[in-house]
Amino acid sequence: MANTPQAKKRIRRNQRRAEINGARVSRIRTFVKKVEAALAAGDKTAASAALEAVQPELARGVARGVLHRNTASRKFSRLTKRLSALA
C-alpha cells in the first residue's frame, strides 16, 4: 500500500495511463483486423485501403510508446506481404 502522497499520485497516474494505453492498443488491433478481414475475403482494394490506414496507426503506437518499433514493423511487413501475395 502506498504511504507517501507521491506514491499515491503515482498509482492514480498509472491507472489513467493504463486506460489510455489500453485504448490505443485496442484501436491499433481494430485497424489490423480490418486489413486481415479484407485479406481473408480476397478483396484487394479494401485490403490496400485498410493497409494504408493501419500504417500511421502503427507508427503512432510506436511514437506513443505502446508498441515496440520492431513489432510495428513486423506487423506492417507481414500484412504487406499477404496483400502482395493476394495479387
Protein backbone atom coordinates (compact mmCIF):
# COMPACT_ATOMS: atom_id res chain seq x y z
CA MET A 1 0.00 0.00 0.00
CA ALA A 2 1.27 3.45 -0.89
CA ASN A 3 2.18 5.58 2.10
CA THR A 4 3.56 8.80 0.66
CA PRO A 5 1.50 11.35 -1.28
CA GLN A 6 3.85 10.92 -4.24
CA ALA A 7 3.30 7.15 -4.29
CA LYS A 8 -0.49 7.65 -4.14
CA LYS A 9 -0.33 10.10 -7.02
CA ARG A 10 1.84 7.68 -8.99
CA ILE A 11 -0.80 4.96 -8.57
CA ARG A 12 -3.55 7.31 -9.80
CA ARG A 13 -1.45 8.37 -12.77
CA ASN A 14 -0.51 4.80 -13.68
CA GLN A 15 -4.19 3.80 -13.72
CA ARG A 16 -5.05 6.68 -16.07
CA ARG A 17 -2.13 5.88 -18.36
CA ALA A 18 -3.06 2.17 -18.42
CA GLU A 19 -6.59 3.04 -19.59
CA ILE A 20 -5.30 5.37 -22.30
CA ASN A 21 -2.63 2.92 -23.47
CA GLY A 22 -5.15 0.07 -23.49
CA ALA A 23 -7.44 2.13 -25.71
CA ARG A 24 -4.56 2.89 -28.05
CA VAL A 25 -3.56 -0.75 -28.40
CA SER A 26 -7.21 -1.74 -28.92
CA ARG A 27 -7.56 0.87 -31.68
CA ILE A 28 -4.46 -0.48 -33.44
CA ARG A 29 -5.78 -4.05 -33.18
CA THR A 30 -9.08 -2.96 -34.74
CA PHE A 31 -7.28 -1.43 -37.72
CA VAL A 32 -5.16 -4.58 -38.16
CA LYS A 33 -8.29 -6.76 -38.01
CA LYS A 34 -9.89 -4.71 -40.79
CA VAL A 35 -6.91 -5.48 -43.04
CA GLU A 36 -6.98 -9.17 -42.10
CA ALA A 37 -10.73 -9.38 -42.77
CA ALA A 38 -10.30 -7.81 -46.21
CA LEU A 39 -7.43 -10.19 -46.98
CA ALA A 40 -9.50 -13.19 -45.88
CA ALA A 41 -12.36 -12.03 -48.11
CA GLY A 42 -9.91 -11.66 -51.01
CA ASP A 43 -10.88 -8.01 -51.54
CA LYS A 44 -7.63 -6.44 -52.73
CA THR A 45 -8.89 -2.84 -53.00
CA ALA A 46 -10.39 -2.85 -49.49
CA ALA A 47 -7.29 -4.55 -48.10
CA SER A 48 -4.96 -1.99 -49.66
CA ALA A 49 -7.11 0.91 -48.36
CA ALA A 50 -7.15 -0.65 -44.88
CA LEU A 51 -3.39 -1.20 -45.05
CA GLU A 52 -2.86 2.48 -45.84
CA ALA A 53 -4.95 3.31 -42.77
CA VAL A 54 -3.11 0.90 -40.47
CA GLN A 55 0.40 2.18 -41.23
CA PRO A 56 0.02 5.59 -39.49
CA GLU A 57 -1.78 3.91 -36.59
CA LEU A 58 1.17 1.57 -36.05
CA ALA A 59 3.58 4.50 -36.30
CA ARG A 60 1.52 6.45 -33.77
CA GLY A 61 1.57 3.47 -31.41
CA VAL A 62 5.36 3.42 -31.63
CA ALA A 63 5.58 7.18 -31.07
CA ARG A 64 3.32 6.94 -28.01
CA GLY A 65 5.30 4.04 -26.59
CA VAL A 66 2.57 1.37 -26.60
CA LEU A 67 4.24 -0.71 -29.32
CA HIS A 68 7.85 -1.61 -29.87
CA ARG A 69 9.30 -0.30 -33.12
CA ASN A 70 10.18 -3.78 -34.37
CA THR A 71 6.73 -5.13 -33.51
CA ALA A 72 5.02 -2.46 -35.60
CA SER A 73 7.48 -3.00 -38.43
CA ARG A 74 6.91 -6.76 -38.36
CA LYS A 75 3.11 -6.41 -38.36
CA PHE A 76 3.16 -3.99 -41.28
CA SER A 77 5.64 -6.12 -43.20
CA ARG A 78 3.59 -9.30 -42.80
CA LEU A 79 0.36 -7.58 -43.79
CA THR A 80 2.05 -6.07 -46.85
CA LYS A 81 3.43 -9.46 -47.82
CA ARG A 82 -0.03 -11.06 -47.54
CA LEU A 83 -1.52 -8.27 -49.66
CA SER A 84 1.05 -8.72 -52.41
CA ALA A 85 0.51 -12.49 -52.35
CA LEU A 86 -3.18 -11.87 -52.97
CA ALA A 87 -2.46 -10.43 -56.40
